Every structure is written in structure tokens, then in C-alpha cells.
Amino acid sequence: MTPLTQAADALWSQGWYRFAAHQASPNFGPRPPQAHIDLIVLHSISLPPGQYGGEEVQQFFNNQLDWQAHPYFSQIKGLQVSAHFFIRRNGELWQLVSCDDRAWHAGTSGYRGRSNCNDDSIGIELEGLEGDLFEDAQYECLQSVCAVLMERYPIAHLAGHEHIAPGRKADPGAGFNWLRLQKYLGLDARYLPVAVGSQTDRENR
């Protein structure tokens, strides 16, 4: 084991990241045998939509949301979903599912010629509204998390929920700056969604 590998392993315990606050969700399952964890999927979420800073998102991921607390909640009543990570507007990082396990964030989906993206992806939720802008603190946290994930897992693709479930989902949307993430991580366009990668190619010519 190399010193770099040892340092990376010190950041993790059974798929849990040391520098995240932990709140284990019951909404997860085992990954299929030989799952190749090579995709990071970005989402946006706020509950109620456009309202930030409360505990509703974490309550939702833990099946504890009060369905009567807001009229919107009737639209998602009974859903059991989760993500591996949740990044608040202030950059605070929470982990809800071990990255070694299968979180329920993608739903019906397909990418890289494979279906069922939950099987081999890591889902990261950004507190926000699809199409809206995100905070600098969120980008800083996201960039750091993606970097450590890419050290631990064979990540070869980053995509939004909108790219793995087109027509069904639209998050994180136009307000998310893919090129900012790409430049920080030093990635070429092959890591990015096709449409974003094409834009990157044009800008780099």
C-alpha cells in the first residue's frame, strides 16, 4: 500500500467519509455483485421548493417528514429516497448512505449504455432549486468531495439527474456551473455530460 493510498483510506470507514456529518438513512440497499462505481450524479433539492436552511430534506431522506407541514409535501408523500451526500447552502456536508452501498437517488435512469444508475453511482444532492444558482460554499464543498471520491473509486463520469433521466428530471439545471467543477478537478470533457462536454470543447478551441 502506497502512502497516498494509506492517506486516502484514512478518510473513509466502510464507505463513510470522515469529514462529513453522518445521519444514516434507512433508504438504501446492497449494490449488485461486481458493481463498478464510476459515476457521480448531481441533484438539487429543497423542501419546500425554494426554501433553505430547515431540516426537511434530511427528514425526507429518513422517512420522517411531516406530510401535513406544507401543501407541497402531499406530492411526495410516501416516497422513500436517499442520496449518499447532501450539501447545504453554507457548504455543510452531510452523508446519509455509505458509498459502498446503493442509495435510492436516480430512479429510472440510464447512462454510458447502462441502466439503473443507482447500481454503480454516487448521488450528491445540492440544496437548491433546479435551474437556480448555487453558492460558492457549495461548489467548494462539492469540489473537495468529488476529489476524494475520485481517489477512492474509479470515477470516470459526472452527470446531473437531468442527464441520466432526460425528460423526467431537470436538476440541477442551467444554474449549475459544470465548467467550474471541471476546471477545479482538472478533468477533460470526457468526464462530463455530452452537451456540457461539447460546450467545453468549443470554449477550449
N, C-alpha and C. Protein backbone atom coordinates (compact mmCIF):
# COMPACT_ATOMS: atom_id res chain seq x y z
N MET A 1 0.85 -1.19 0.00
CA MET A 1 0.00 0.00 0.00
C MET A 1 0.88 1.24 0.00
N THR A 2 0.63 2.16 -0.91
CA THR A 2 1.43 3.37 -1.02
C THR A 2 1.00 4.38 0.04
N PRO A 3 1.88 5.36 0.36
CA PRO A 3 1.48 6.41 1.31
C PRO A 3 0.22 7.15 0.87
N LEU A 4 0.07 7.38 -0.46
CA LEU A 4 -1.11 8.07 -0.96
C LEU A 4 -2.37 7.25 -0.71
N THR A 5 -2.27 5.93 -0.92
CA THR A 5 -3.41 5.04 -0.67
C THR A 5 -3.75 5.01 0.82
N GLN A 6 -2.71 4.98 1.66
CA GLN A 6 -2.95 4.97 3.10
C GLN A 6 -3.66 6.25 3.54
N ALA A 7 -3.22 7.38 2.99
CA ALA A 7 -3.84 8.66 3.34
C ALA A 7 -5.29 8.69 2.90
N ALA A 8 -5.59 8.16 1.69
CA ALA A 8 -6.96 8.12 1.19
C ALA A 8 -7.83 7.23 2.06
N ASP A 9 -7.29 6.07 2.45
CA ASP A 9 -8.06 5.14 3.28
C ASP A 9 -8.37 5.74 4.65
N ALA A 10 -7.50 6.62 5.15
CA ALA A 10 -7.72 7.23 6.45
C ALA A 10 -8.92 8.16 6.45
N LEU A 11 -9.36 8.55 5.26
CA LEU A 11 -10.51 9.45 5.15
C LEU A 11 -11.84 8.70 5.18
N TRP A 12 -11.79 7.38 5.13
CA TRP A 12 -13.01 6.59 4.96
C TRP A 12 -13.09 5.47 5.99
N SER A 13 -14.31 5.10 6.33
CA SER A 13 -14.57 3.93 7.15
C SER A 13 -15.81 3.24 6.62
N GLN A 14 -15.61 2.12 5.94
CA GLN A 14 -16.72 1.35 5.38
C GLN A 14 -17.63 2.20 4.51
N GLY A 15 -16.99 3.06 3.69
CA GLY A 15 -17.75 3.88 2.77
C GLY A 15 -18.27 5.19 3.33
N TRP A 16 -17.97 5.46 4.60
CA TRP A 16 -18.39 6.71 5.24
C TRP A 16 -17.20 7.67 5.26
N TYR A 17 -17.43 8.90 4.80
CA TYR A 17 -16.39 9.90 4.70
C TYR A 17 -16.18 10.59 6.04
N ARG A 18 -14.94 10.65 6.46
CA ARG A 18 -14.61 11.15 7.80
C ARG A 18 -15.06 12.59 8.02
N PHE A 19 -14.98 13.44 7.00
CA PHE A 19 -15.23 14.86 7.19
C PHE A 19 -16.65 15.28 6.82
N ALA A 20 -17.57 14.35 6.85
CA ALA A 20 -19.00 14.65 6.69
C ALA A 20 -19.71 14.37 8.01
N ALA A 21 -20.75 15.15 8.29
CA ALA A 21 -21.64 14.79 9.38
C ALA A 21 -22.49 13.60 8.92
N HIS A 22 -22.71 12.65 9.79
CA HIS A 22 -23.39 11.42 9.40
C HIS A 22 -24.81 11.37 9.98
N GLN A 23 -25.75 11.01 9.11
CA GLN A 23 -27.12 10.78 9.53
C GLN A 23 -27.66 9.65 8.66
N ALA A 24 -27.52 8.43 9.14
CA ALA A 24 -27.79 7.26 8.31
C ALA A 24 -29.26 7.15 7.92
N SER A 25 -29.51 7.04 6.62
CA SER A 25 -30.86 6.85 6.10
C SER A 25 -31.17 5.36 6.01
N PRO A 26 -32.42 4.98 6.25
CA PRO A 26 -32.81 3.57 6.06
C PRO A 26 -33.03 3.22 4.60
N ASN A 27 -32.99 4.23 3.72
CA ASN A 27 -33.35 4.00 2.32
C ASN A 27 -32.10 3.69 1.49
N PHE A 28 -31.68 2.44 1.54
CA PHE A 28 -30.52 2.00 0.79
C PHE A 28 -30.57 0.49 0.67
N GLY A 29 -29.66 -0.05 -0.12
CA GLY A 29 -29.57 -1.48 -0.27
C GLY A 29 -28.19 -1.85 -0.77
N PRO A 30 -27.91 -3.15 -0.91
CA PRO A 30 -26.59 -3.56 -1.41
C PRO A 30 -26.47 -3.28 -2.90
N ARG A 31 -25.27 -2.96 -3.31
CA ARG A 31 -25.02 -2.86 -4.74
C ARG A 31 -24.95 -4.26 -5.34
N PRO A 32 -25.24 -4.39 -6.65
CA PRO A 32 -25.11 -5.69 -7.28
C PRO A 32 -23.66 -6.19 -7.21
N PRO A 33 -23.47 -7.50 -7.22
CA PRO A 33 -22.11 -8.02 -7.24
C PRO A 33 -21.31 -7.43 -8.40
N GLN A 34 -20.08 -7.11 -8.14
CA GLN A 34 -19.17 -6.58 -9.17
C GLN A 34 -19.61 -5.22 -9.71
N ALA A 35 -20.39 -4.46 -8.95
CA ALA A 35 -20.76 -3.12 -9.40
C ALA A 35 -19.51 -2.27 -9.55
N HIS A 36 -19.44 -1.53 -10.64
CA HIS A 36 -18.28 -0.69 -10.96
C HIS A 36 -18.69 0.76 -10.70
N ILE A 37 -18.28 1.30 -9.56
CA ILE A 37 -18.73 2.62 -9.12
C ILE A 37 -17.93 3.68 -9.87
N ASP A 38 -18.44 4.10 -11.02
CA ASP A 38 -17.66 5.00 -11.88
C ASP A 38 -18.41 6.28 -12.24
N LEU A 39 -19.54 6.56 -11.59
CA LEU A 39 -20.38 7.71 -11.94
C LEU A 39 -20.76 8.50 -10.69
N ILE A 40 -20.62 9.81 -10.76
CA ILE A 40 -21.17 10.72 -9.75
C ILE A 40 -22.36 11.44 -10.36
N VAL A 41 -23.50 11.40 -9.69
CA VAL A 41 -24.71 12.06 -10.17
C VAL A 41 -25.04 13.23 -9.24
N LEU A 42 -25.19 14.41 -9.82
CA LEU A 42 -25.53 15.60 -9.05
C LEU A 42 -27.01 15.91 -9.16
N HIS A 43 -27.59 16.29 -8.04
CA HIS A 43 -29.01 16.62 -7.93
C HIS A 43 -29.15 17.98 -7.25
N SER A 44 -30.35 18.51 -7.28
CA SER A 44 -30.68 19.65 -6.41
C SER A 44 -32.00 19.35 -5.73
N ILE A 45 -32.12 19.83 -4.50
CA ILE A 45 -33.34 19.60 -3.73
C ILE A 45 -33.51 20.70 -2.70
N SER A 46 -34.73 21.10 -2.46
CA SER A 46 -35.09 21.97 -1.35
C SER A 46 -36.54 21.67 -1.00
N LEU A 47 -36.81 21.70 0.30
CA LEU A 47 -38.15 21.39 0.78
C LEU A 47 -38.55 22.38 1.87
N PRO A 48 -39.71 23.03 1.63
CA PRO A 48 -40.46 23.13 0.37
C PRO A 48 -39.58 23.77 -0.71
N PRO A 49 -39.93 23.59 -1.98
CA PRO A 49 -39.09 24.11 -3.05
C PRO A 49 -38.77 25.60 -2.88
N GLY A 50 -37.47 25.91 -2.95
CA GLY A 50 -37.03 27.29 -2.83
C GLY A 50 -36.82 27.79 -1.43
N GLN A 51 -37.11 26.95 -0.43
CA GLN A 51 -36.88 27.33 0.96
C GLN A 51 -35.69 26.55 1.50
N TYR A 52 -34.76 27.26 2.14
CA TYR A 52 -33.50 26.67 2.54
C TYR A 52 -33.27 26.77 4.04
N GLY A 53 -32.42 25.89 4.53
CA GLY A 53 -31.93 26.00 5.90
C GLY A 53 -32.65 25.16 6.93
N GLY A 54 -33.78 24.56 6.57
CA GLY A 54 -34.51 23.74 7.53
C GLY A 54 -34.02 22.31 7.56
N GLU A 55 -34.73 21.47 8.28
CA GLU A 55 -34.36 20.06 8.43
C GLU A 55 -35.19 19.15 7.51
N GLU A 56 -36.01 19.76 6.65
CA GLU A 56 -36.97 18.96 5.89
C GLU A 56 -36.32 17.96 4.93
N VAL A 57 -35.23 18.34 4.30
CA VAL A 57 -34.59 17.43 3.35
C VAL A 57 -34.08 16.19 4.07
N GLN A 58 -33.39 16.39 5.17
CA GLN A 58 -32.88 15.24 5.92
C GLN A 58 -34.02 14.41 6.50
N GLN A 59 -35.08 15.08 6.93
CA GLN A 59 -36.25 14.33 7.39
C GLN A 59 -36.84 13.49 6.27
N PHE A 60 -36.89 14.05 5.08
CA PHE A 60 -37.42 13.33 3.91
C PHE A 60 -36.59 12.09 3.62
N PHE A 61 -35.28 12.23 3.64
CA PHE A 61 -34.39 11.10 3.36
C PHE A 61 -34.42 10.05 4.46
N ASN A 62 -34.96 10.42 5.62
CA ASN A 62 -35.03 9.47 6.73
C ASN A 62 -36.47 9.03 7.02
N ASN A 63 -37.40 9.33 6.09
CA ASN A 63 -38.80 8.92 6.22
C ASN A 63 -39.47 9.53 7.45
N GLN A 64 -39.06 10.75 7.81
CA GLN A 64 -39.59 11.41 9.00
C GLN A 64 -40.26 12.74 8.70
N LEU A 65 -40.48 13.03 7.42
CA LEU A 65 -41.07 14.32 7.06
C LEU A 65 -42.55 14.36 7.45
N ASP A 66 -42.95 15.47 8.04
CA ASP A 66 -44.36 15.68 8.39
C ASP A 66 -45.11 16.07 7.12
N TRP A 67 -45.87 15.14 6.56
CA TRP A 67 -46.54 15.37 5.28
C TRP A 67 -47.58 16.47 5.35
N GLN A 68 -48.02 16.82 6.55
CA GLN A 68 -49.04 17.84 6.72
C GLN A 68 -48.44 19.25 6.88
N ALA A 69 -47.12 19.35 6.95
CA ALA A 69 -46.49 20.62 7.29
C ALA A 69 -46.51 21.64 6.16
N HIS A 70 -46.70 21.19 4.93
CA HIS A 70 -46.72 22.11 3.78
C HIS A 70 -47.52 21.46 2.66
N PRO A 71 -48.32 22.23 1.92
CA PRO A 71 -49.14 21.64 0.84
C PRO A 71 -48.32 20.87 -0.19
N TYR A 72 -47.09 21.30 -0.47
CA TYR A 72 -46.28 20.60 -1.48
C TYR A 72 -45.98 19.17 -1.07
N PHE A 73 -45.89 18.92 0.21
CA PHE A 73 -45.45 17.61 0.67
C PHE A 73 -46.41 16.49 0.27
N SER A 74 -47.65 16.83 -0.04
CA SER A 74 -48.60 15.80 -0.48
C SER A 74 -48.16 15.19 -1.81
N GLN A 75 -47.37 15.93 -2.61
CA GLN A 75 -46.91 15.43 -3.91
C GLN A 75 -45.80 14.38 -3.77
N ILE A 76 -45.13 14.37 -2.65
CA ILE A 76 -44.03 13.42 -2.46
C ILE A 76 -44.32 12.45 -1.31
N LYS A 77 -45.55 12.49 -0.80
CA LYS A 77 -45.91 11.66 0.35
C LYS A 77 -45.66 10.18 0.06
N GLY A 78 -44.98 9.54 0.98
CA GLY A 78 -44.75 8.10 0.88
C GLY A 78 -43.52 7.70 0.10
N LEU A 79 -42.89 8.64 -0.59
CA LEU A 79 -41.68 8.29 -1.33
C LEU A 79 -40.55 7.94 -0.36
N GLN A 80 -39.79 6.95 -0.71
CA GLN A 80 -38.63 6.57 0.09
C GLN A 80 -37.40 6.70 -0.79
N VAL A 81 -36.66 7.76 -0.57
CA VAL A 81 -35.50 8.06 -1.40
C VAL A 81 -34.33 8.46 -0.50
N SER A 82 -33.16 8.56 -1.10
CA SER A 82 -31.97 8.95 -0.35
C SER A 82 -30.90 9.38 -1.33
N ALA A 83 -29.81 9.88 -0.80
CA ALA A 83 -28.61 10.16 -1.58
C ALA A 83 -27.43 9.85 -0.67
N HIS A 84 -26.26 9.73 -1.26
CA HIS A 84 -25.09 9.50 -0.44
C HIS A 84 -24.71 10.75 0.35
N PHE A 85 -24.76 11.92 -0.33
CA PHE A 85 -24.35 13.17 0.30
C PHE A 85 -25.40 14.26 0.07
N PHE A 86 -25.43 15.21 1.00
CA PHE A 86 -26.28 16.39 0.91
C PHE A 86 -25.43 17.59 1.31
N ILE A 87 -25.36 18.59 0.42
CA ILE A 87 -24.55 19.78 0.67
C ILE A 87 -25.48 20.99 0.83
N ARG A 88 -25.46 21.58 2.01
CA ARG A 88 -26.32 22.73 2.31
C ARG A 88 -25.79 23.99 1.63
N ARG A 89 -26.59 25.04 1.66
CA ARG A 89 -26.21 26.31 1.02
C ARG A 89 -24.93 26.89 1.62
N ASN A 90 -24.68 26.63 2.88
CA ASN A 90 -23.49 27.17 3.54
C ASN A 90 -22.27 26.26 3.39
N GLY A 91 -22.39 25.20 2.60
CA GLY A 91 -21.28 24.30 2.38
C GLY A 91 -21.19 23.16 3.37
N GLU A 92 -22.12 23.07 4.29
CA GLU A 92 -22.12 21.99 5.27
C GLU A 92 -22.40 20.67 4.57
N LEU A 93 -21.61 19.65 4.89
CA LEU A 93 -21.69 18.36 4.22
C LEU A 93 -22.27 17.30 5.14
N TRP A 94 -23.30 16.63 4.65
CA TRP A 94 -23.91 15.51 5.35
C TRP A 94 -23.82 14.25 4.49
N GLN A 95 -23.58 13.12 5.14
CA GLN A 95 -23.63 11.83 4.44
C GLN A 95 -24.74 11.00 5.04
N LEU A 96 -25.55 10.40 4.16
CA LEU A 96 -26.71 9.64 4.61
C LEU A 96 -26.64 8.15 4.29
N VAL A 97 -25.81 7.78 3.31
CA VAL A 97 -25.66 6.39 2.92
C VAL A 97 -24.18 6.13 2.65
N SER A 98 -23.69 4.99 3.09
CA SER A 98 -22.32 4.60 2.77
C SER A 98 -22.13 4.54 1.26
N CYS A 99 -21.00 5.03 0.78
CA CYS A 99 -20.75 4.98 -0.67
C CYS A 99 -20.55 3.56 -1.17
N ASP A 100 -20.30 2.64 -0.26
CA ASP A 100 -20.20 1.24 -0.67
C ASP A 100 -21.57 0.63 -0.92
N ASP A 101 -22.63 1.30 -0.45
CA ASP A 101 -24.00 0.81 -0.61
C ASP A 101 -24.72 1.57 -1.72
N ARG A 102 -25.88 1.09 -2.06
CA ARG A 102 -26.70 1.62 -3.15
C ARG A 102 -27.76 2.56 -2.57
N ALA A 103 -27.58 3.87 -2.79
CA ALA A 103 -28.60 4.83 -2.38
C ALA A 103 -29.70 4.90 -3.43
N TRP A 104 -30.84 5.44 -3.05
CA TRP A 104 -32.01 5.49 -3.94
C TRP A 104 -32.22 6.93 -4.42
N HIS A 105 -31.38 7.35 -5.34
CA HIS A 105 -31.41 8.74 -5.79
C HIS A 105 -31.71 8.90 -7.27
N ALA A 106 -31.45 7.89 -8.08
CA ALA A 106 -31.51 8.05 -9.54
C ALA A 106 -32.87 7.70 -10.13
N GLY A 107 -33.54 6.70 -9.56
CA GLY A 107 -34.80 6.25 -10.14
C GLY A 107 -34.58 5.60 -11.50
N THR A 108 -35.61 5.60 -12.32
CA THR A 108 -35.49 5.06 -13.67
C THR A 108 -34.48 5.91 -14.44
N SER A 109 -33.42 5.29 -14.92
CA SER A 109 -32.31 6.07 -15.44
C SER A 109 -31.43 5.22 -16.34
N GLY A 110 -30.59 5.90 -17.09
CA GLY A 110 -29.62 5.22 -17.94
C GLY A 110 -28.52 6.17 -18.35
N TYR A 111 -27.29 5.65 -18.41
CA TYR A 111 -26.15 6.48 -18.80
C TYR A 111 -25.00 5.55 -19.16
N ARG A 112 -24.15 5.98 -20.06
CA ARG A 112 -22.98 5.21 -20.51
C ARG A 112 -23.37 3.85 -21.08
N GLY A 113 -24.58 3.76 -21.62
CA GLY A 113 -25.05 2.48 -22.14
C GLY A 113 -25.52 1.52 -21.07
N ARG A 114 -25.66 1.99 -19.84
CA ARG A 114 -26.12 1.14 -18.74
C ARG A 114 -27.38 1.73 -18.13
N SER A 115 -28.26 0.90 -17.66
CA SER A 115 -29.48 1.34 -16.99
C SER A 115 -29.29 1.23 -15.48
N ASN A 116 -30.32 1.66 -14.74
CA ASN A 116 -30.31 1.54 -13.28
C ASN A 116 -29.07 2.17 -12.67
N CYS A 117 -28.97 3.48 -12.82
CA CYS A 117 -27.76 4.19 -12.38
C CYS A 117 -27.51 4.10 -10.88
N ASN A 118 -28.53 3.80 -10.10
CA ASN A 118 -28.30 3.61 -8.66
C ASN A 118 -27.26 2.54 -8.40
N ASP A 119 -27.20 1.54 -9.28
CA ASP A 119 -26.34 0.39 -9.04
C ASP A 119 -24.87 0.76 -8.93
N ASP A 120 -24.43 1.73 -9.74
CA ASP A 120 -22.99 1.98 -9.82
C ASP A 120 -22.65 3.47 -9.77
N SER A 121 -23.47 4.23 -9.07
CA SER A 121 -23.21 5.67 -8.97
C SER A 121 -23.22 6.13 -7.53
N ILE A 122 -22.71 7.33 -7.32
CA ILE A 122 -22.76 8.02 -6.04
C ILE A 122 -23.58 9.29 -6.24
N GLY A 123 -24.61 9.46 -5.46
CA GLY A 123 -25.53 10.58 -5.61
C GLY A 123 -25.22 11.70 -4.62
N ILE A 124 -25.11 12.92 -5.13
CA ILE A 124 -24.84 14.09 -4.30
C ILE A 124 -25.95 15.10 -4.51
N GLU A 125 -26.64 15.46 -3.45
CA GLU A 125 -27.71 16.45 -3.50
C GLU A 125 -27.19 17.81 -3.06
N LEU A 126 -27.45 18.83 -3.87
CA LEU A 126 -27.14 20.21 -3.51
C LEU A 126 -28.42 20.90 -3.08
N GLU A 127 -28.39 21.55 -1.93
CA GLU A 127 -29.57 22.29 -1.50
C GLU A 127 -29.79 23.45 -2.47
N GLY A 128 -30.88 23.39 -3.20
CA GLY A 128 -31.13 24.42 -4.20
C GLY A 128 -32.35 24.08 -5.03
N LEU A 129 -32.65 24.98 -5.93
CA LEU A 129 -33.81 24.83 -6.80
C LEU A 129 -33.32 24.60 -8.21
N GLU A 130 -33.87 23.62 -8.91
CA GLU A 130 -33.37 23.31 -10.25
C GLU A 130 -33.45 24.54 -11.15
N GLY A 131 -32.35 24.80 -11.84
CA GLY A 131 -32.27 25.95 -12.72
C GLY A 131 -31.74 27.19 -12.05
N ASP A 132 -31.72 27.21 -10.70
CA ASP A 132 -31.26 28.38 -9.96
C ASP A 132 -29.75 28.27 -9.71
N LEU A 133 -29.14 29.33 -9.21
CA LEU A 133 -27.71 29.36 -8.94
C LEU A 133 -27.41 28.70 -7.60
N PHE A 134 -26.15 28.27 -7.47
CA PHE A 134 -25.69 27.66 -6.23
C PHE A 134 -24.62 28.55 -5.61
N GLU A 135 -24.34 28.31 -4.33
CA GLU A 135 -23.44 29.17 -3.57
C GLU A 135 -21.98 28.74 -3.73
N ASP A 136 -21.08 29.71 -3.57
CA ASP A 136 -19.65 29.41 -3.63
C ASP A 136 -19.27 28.32 -2.63
N ALA A 137 -19.83 28.39 -1.43
CA ALA A 137 -19.52 27.40 -0.40
C ALA A 137 -19.92 26.00 -0.84
N GLN A 138 -21.00 25.90 -1.61
CA GLN A 138 -21.42 24.58 -2.10
C GLN A 138 -20.44 24.05 -3.14
N TYR A 139 -20.00 24.91 -4.04
CA TYR A 139 -19.02 24.47 -5.02
C TYR A 139 -17.73 24.02 -4.34
N GLU A 140 -17.28 24.77 -3.35
CA GLU A 140 -16.04 24.42 -2.66
C GLU A 140 -16.15 23.06 -1.99
N CYS A 141 -17.28 22.81 -1.34
CA CYS A 141 -17.50 21.51 -0.70
C CYS A 141 -17.62 20.40 -1.74
N LEU A 142 -18.41 20.66 -2.79
CA LEU A 142 -18.60 19.65 -3.84
C LEU A 142 -17.29 19.28 -4.50
N GLN A 143 -16.48 20.28 -4.80
CA GLN A 143 -15.21 20.02 -5.45
C GLN A 143 -14.32 19.14 -4.59
N SER A 144 -14.30 19.41 -3.30
CA SER A 144 -13.48 18.60 -2.39
C SER A 144 -14.00 17.17 -2.30
N VAL A 145 -15.33 17.02 -2.21
CA VAL A 145 -15.91 15.68 -2.12
C VAL A 145 -15.64 14.89 -3.40
N CYS A 146 -15.83 15.53 -4.55
CA CYS A 146 -15.56 14.83 -5.81
C CYS A 146 -14.10 14.39 -5.90
N ALA A 147 -13.20 15.24 -5.42
CA ALA A 147 -11.78 14.92 -5.49
C ALA A 147 -11.46 13.68 -4.66
N VAL A 148 -12.00 13.60 -3.44
CA VAL A 148 -11.70 12.44 -2.61
C VAL A 148 -12.42 11.19 -3.13
N LEU A 149 -13.61 11.37 -3.71
CA LEU A 149 -14.30 10.22 -4.30
C LEU A 149 -13.50 9.66 -5.47
N MET A 150 -12.89 10.54 -6.26
CA MET A 150 -12.13 10.10 -7.42
C MET A 150 -10.83 9.43 -7.01
N GLU A 151 -10.35 9.69 -5.80
CA GLU A 151 -9.19 8.98 -5.28
C GLU A 151 -9.56 7.58 -4.81
N ARG A 152 -10.79 7.43 -4.32
CA ARG A 152 -11.18 6.15 -3.73
C ARG A 152 -11.87 5.21 -4.71
N TYR A 153 -12.66 5.76 -5.62
CA TYR A 153 -13.43 4.95 -6.56
C TYR A 153 -12.99 5.27 -8.00
N PRO A 154 -13.24 4.35 -8.93
CA PRO A 154 -12.80 4.57 -10.32
C PRO A 154 -13.76 5.48 -11.09
N ILE A 155 -13.98 6.69 -10.58
CA ILE A 155 -14.93 7.62 -11.18
C ILE A 155 -14.43 8.03 -12.57
N ALA A 156 -15.29 7.88 -13.55
CA ALA A 156 -14.94 8.24 -14.93
C ALA A 156 -15.98 9.15 -15.56
N HIS A 157 -17.09 9.41 -14.84
CA HIS A 157 -18.18 10.22 -15.40
C HIS A 157 -18.82 11.05 -14.30
N LEU A 158 -19.20 12.29 -14.64
CA LEU A 158 -20.02 13.14 -13.79
C LEU A 158 -21.22 13.57 -14.62
N ALA A 159 -22.39 13.53 -14.02
CA ALA A 159 -23.61 13.89 -14.75
C ALA A 159 -24.64 14.42 -13.76
N GLY A 160 -25.62 15.13 -14.29
CA GLY A 160 -26.74 15.58 -13.49
C GLY A 160 -27.89 14.59 -13.60
N HIS A 161 -28.84 14.72 -12.69
CA HIS A 161 -30.04 13.90 -12.76
C HIS A 161 -30.73 14.10 -14.12
N GLU A 162 -30.64 15.33 -14.61
CA GLU A 162 -31.25 15.66 -15.91
C GLU A 162 -30.63 14.88 -17.06
N HIS A 163 -29.38 14.45 -16.91
CA HIS A 163 -28.70 13.73 -17.99
C HIS A 163 -28.95 12.23 -17.94
N ILE A 164 -29.20 11.70 -16.76
CA ILE A 164 -29.44 10.26 -16.65
C ILE A 164 -30.93 9.92 -16.71
N ALA A 165 -31.78 10.94 -16.58
CA ALA A 165 -33.23 10.75 -16.68
C ALA A 165 -33.84 11.90 -17.46
N PRO A 166 -33.39 12.10 -18.72
CA PRO A 166 -33.87 13.24 -19.50
C PRO A 166 -35.37 13.16 -19.76
N GLY A 167 -36.03 14.31 -19.65
CA GLY A 167 -37.47 14.36 -19.84
C GLY A 167 -38.24 14.07 -18.57
N ARG A 168 -37.60 13.42 -17.62
CA ARG A 168 -38.25 13.11 -16.34
C ARG A 168 -37.73 14.00 -15.23
N LYS A 169 -36.45 14.33 -15.28
CA LYS A 169 -35.83 15.17 -14.27
C LYS A 169 -35.08 16.32 -14.93
N ALA A 170 -34.96 17.44 -14.21
CA ALA A 170 -34.31 18.62 -14.79
C ALA A 170 -33.29 19.24 -13.83
N ASP A 171 -32.88 18.50 -12.82
CA ASP A 171 -31.91 19.05 -11.87
C ASP A 171 -30.50 18.50 -12.13
N PRO A 172 -29.47 19.23 -11.74
CA PRO A 172 -29.53 20.52 -11.05
C PRO A 172 -29.91 21.69 -11.94
N GLY A 173 -29.88 21.52 -13.25
CA GLY A 173 -30.39 22.55 -14.14
C GLY A 173 -29.35 23.55 -14.61
N ALA A 174 -29.85 24.57 -15.33
CA ALA A 174 -28.97 25.52 -16.00
C ALA A 174 -28.17 26.38 -15.04
N GLY A 175 -28.57 26.48 -13.80
CA GLY A 175 -27.85 27.30 -12.85
C GLY A 175 -26.58 26.68 -12.32
N PHE A 176 -26.36 25.39 -12.62
CA PHE A 176 -25.15 24.73 -12.13
C PHE A 176 -24.01 24.93 -13.11
N ASN A 177 -22.85 25.31 -12.61
CA ASN A 177 -21.68 25.63 -13.43
C ASN A 177 -20.78 24.41 -13.56
N TRP A 178 -21.03 23.62 -14.58
CA TRP A 178 -20.23 22.41 -14.82
C TRP A 178 -18.77 22.74 -15.12
N LEU A 179 -18.56 23.82 -15.84
CA LEU A 179 -17.19 24.16 -16.23
C LEU A 179 -16.35 24.54 -15.02
N ARG A 180 -16.97 25.16 -14.03
CA ARG A 180 -16.25 25.49 -12.78
C ARG A 180 -15.79 24.21 -12.10
N LEU A 181 -16.66 23.22 -12.02
CA LEU A 181 -16.30 21.95 -11.41
C LEU A 181 -15.20 21.25 -12.21
N GLN A 182 -15.35 21.26 -13.52
CA GLN A 182 -14.37 20.62 -14.39
C GLN A 182 -12.98 21.23 -14.21
N LYS A 183 -12.91 22.55 -14.20
CA LYS A 183 -11.60 23.22 -14.11
C LYS A 183 -10.95 22.96 -12.76
N TYR A 184 -11.73 22.95 -11.70
CA TYR A 184 -11.15 22.70 -10.38
C TYR A 184 -10.56 21.30 -10.31
N LEU A 185 -11.28 20.32 -10.87
CA LEU A 185 -10.83 18.93 -10.79
C LEU A 185 -9.82 18.58 -11.87
N GLY A 186 -9.61 19.48 -12.82
CA GLY A 186 -8.65 19.23 -13.88
C GLY A 186 -9.08 18.12 -14.82
N LEU A 187 -10.36 18.07 -15.12
CA LEU A 187 -10.91 16.99 -15.95
C LEU A 187 -11.00 17.43 -17.40
N ASP A 188 -10.90 16.47 -18.31
CA ASP A 188 -11.20 16.79 -19.70
C ASP A 188 -12.67 16.51 -19.95
N ALA A 189 -13.13 16.87 -21.14
CA ALA A 189 -14.56 16.85 -21.45
C ALA A 189 -15.16 15.45 -21.40
N ARG A 190 -14.34 14.42 -21.46
CA ARG A 190 -14.87 13.06 -21.47
C ARG A 190 -15.56 12.69 -20.16
N TYR A 191 -15.24 13.40 -19.10
CA TYR A 191 -15.87 13.12 -17.81
C TYR A 191 -17.26 13.71 -17.69
N LEU A 192 -17.58 14.69 -18.55
CA LEU A 192 -18.78 15.48 -18.38
C LEU A 192 -19.93 14.98 -19.23
N PRO A 193 -21.16 15.40 -18.91
CA PRO A 193 -22.29 15.08 -19.79
C PRO A 193 -22.01 15.55 -21.20
N VAL A 194 -22.58 14.87 -22.19
CA VAL A 194 -22.26 15.11 -23.59
C VAL A 194 -22.44 16.57 -23.97
N ALA A 195 -23.59 17.16 -23.62
CA ALA A 195 -23.86 18.54 -24.01
C ALA A 195 -22.86 19.50 -23.38
N VAL A 196 -22.51 19.25 -22.12
CA VAL A 196 -21.55 20.11 -21.43
C VAL A 196 -20.17 19.92 -22.02
N GLY A 197 -19.82 18.66 -22.30
CA GLY A 197 -18.52 18.39 -22.90
C GLY A 197 -18.35 19.06 -24.24
N SER A 198 -19.39 19.11 -25.03
CA SER A 198 -19.32 19.78 -26.32
C SER A 198 -19.08 21.27 -26.13
N GLN A 199 -19.74 21.87 -25.14
CA GLN A 199 -19.55 23.29 -24.85
C GLN A 199 -18.10 23.54 -24.42
N THR A 200 -17.56 22.63 -23.61
CA THR A 200 -16.18 22.77 -23.15
C THR A 200 -15.22 22.71 -24.32
N ASP A 201 -15.46 21.78 -25.23
CA ASP A 201 -14.59 21.67 -26.40
C ASP A 201 -14.57 22.96 -27.19
N ARG A 202 -15.74 23.57 -27.36
CA ARG A 202 -15.82 24.81 -28.15
C ARG A 202 -15.07 25.94 -27.45
N GLU A 203 -15.20 26.00 -26.11
CA GLU A 203 -14.56 27.09 -25.38
C GLU A 203 -13.04 26.94 -25.34
N ASN A 204 -12.56 25.70 -25.44
CA ASN A 204 -11.13 25.47 -25.36
C ASN A 204 -10.43 25.55 -26.71
N ARG A 205 -11.17 25.73 -27.78
CA ARG A 205 -10.55 25.80 -29.11
C ARG A 205 -9.88 27.15 -29.33
